Protein backbone atom coordinates (compact mmCIF):
# COMPACT_ATOMS: atom_id res chain seq x y z
CA MET A 1 100.65 105.83 184.45
CA THR A 2 102.10 102.26 184.37
CA THR A 3 102.23 100.54 187.69
CA PRO A 4 103.14 97.12 188.93
CA TYR A 5 100.04 96.72 190.83
CA ASP A 6 96.73 95.82 189.45
CA PHE A 7 94.42 97.44 191.86
CA PRO A 8 90.68 96.35 192.03
CA ALA A 9 88.41 98.34 190.35
CA GLY A 10 86.10 99.00 193.50
CA LEU A 11 89.28 99.97 195.51
CA LEU A 12 90.70 102.46 192.54
CA GLN A 13 87.04 103.82 192.58
CA ALA A 14 86.84 104.09 196.43
CA GLN A 15 89.95 106.41 196.25
CA ARG A 16 88.85 108.64 193.58
CA ASP A 17 85.35 108.84 195.36
CA TRP A 18 87.40 109.93 198.30
CA TYR A 19 89.21 112.60 196.34
CA THR A 20 85.72 113.89 195.30
CA ALA A 21 84.34 114.20 198.60
CA TYR A 22 87.41 116.03 199.95
CA ARG A 23 87.18 118.55 197.21
CA GLN A 24 83.78 119.21 197.72
CA LEU A 25 84.30 119.40 201.56
CA ALA A 26 87.12 121.86 200.92
CA GLU A 27 84.28 124.23 199.11
CA GLU A 28 81.32 123.55 201.26
CA GLU A 29 79.97 126.21 203.38
CA ASN A 30 76.79 124.55 204.85
CA PRO A 31 77.67 122.68 208.14
CA SER A 32 75.25 120.14 207.87
CA GLN A 33 76.74 119.33 204.48
CA THR A 34 80.38 119.30 205.75
CA THR A 35 79.17 116.56 208.40
CA VAL A 36 77.56 114.46 205.58
CA LEU A 37 81.13 114.68 203.66
CA ARG A 38 83.19 114.25 206.75
CA ARG A 39 81.37 111.11 207.38
CA ALA A 40 81.61 109.84 203.82
CA LEU A 41 85.46 110.41 203.77
CA GLN A 42 85.40 108.26 207.09
CA ARG A 43 83.80 105.63 205.43
CA LEU A 44 85.88 105.70 202.35
CA SER A 45 88.86 105.61 204.26
CA VAL A 46 87.82 102.34 206.04
CA ARG A 47 86.65 101.02 202.98
CA ILE A 48 90.39 101.86 201.27
CA ALA A 49 92.43 100.66 204.35
CA THR A 50 90.53 97.47 204.65
CA ASP A 51 90.14 96.26 201.41
CA PRO A 52 91.80 92.45 201.13
CA TYR A 53 93.84 93.49 198.25
CA TRP A 54 96.42 95.02 200.77
CA ALA A 55 96.77 91.36 202.16
CA SER A 56 97.69 90.11 198.69
CA ILE A 57 100.92 92.24 198.84
CA PRO A 58 102.76 91.86 202.29
CA GLY A 59 105.41 94.00 202.75
CA ARG A 60 104.90 96.28 199.74
CA ALA A 61 101.68 97.78 200.92
CA PRO A 62 103.06 101.37 201.80
CA ALA A 63 104.62 101.84 198.27
CA ALA A 64 101.02 100.40 196.69
CA ARG A 65 99.10 102.59 198.56
CA MET A 66 100.75 105.61 197.27
CA ALA A 67 100.79 104.33 193.82
CA LEU A 68 96.89 103.91 194.32
CA LYS A 69 96.91 107.22 195.58
CA GLN A 70 98.75 108.63 192.39
CA GLN A 71 96.77 106.41 190.06
CA ALA A 72 93.19 107.74 191.26
CA TRP A 73 94.35 111.24 191.48
CA GLU A 74 95.51 111.35 187.76
CA LEU A 75 92.03 109.53 186.88
CA ALA A 76 89.82 111.67 189.10
CA PRO A 77 87.49 113.98 187.49
CA GLY A 78 88.16 117.74 187.87
CA VAL A 79 91.89 117.17 188.90
CA ARG A 80 93.59 120.68 188.57
CA ARG A 81 97.02 121.03 187.54
């Protein structure tokens, strides 16, 4: 996917990790493990939302966030189409 945004590798990886944790949570049946996964999702959400990259594109952040999600989704392992 071609995008006008040059996402830092760490930000892109955090979004991929978020998708992975979300899929694991959807399939998990052990309550103690769901707690661990929910906490991981919270940490990753904060990491993504507070990344300094967003300050470098004022006014375009919503479009860039969607582009990040799309790019990470396409690169995420185990994506079902």
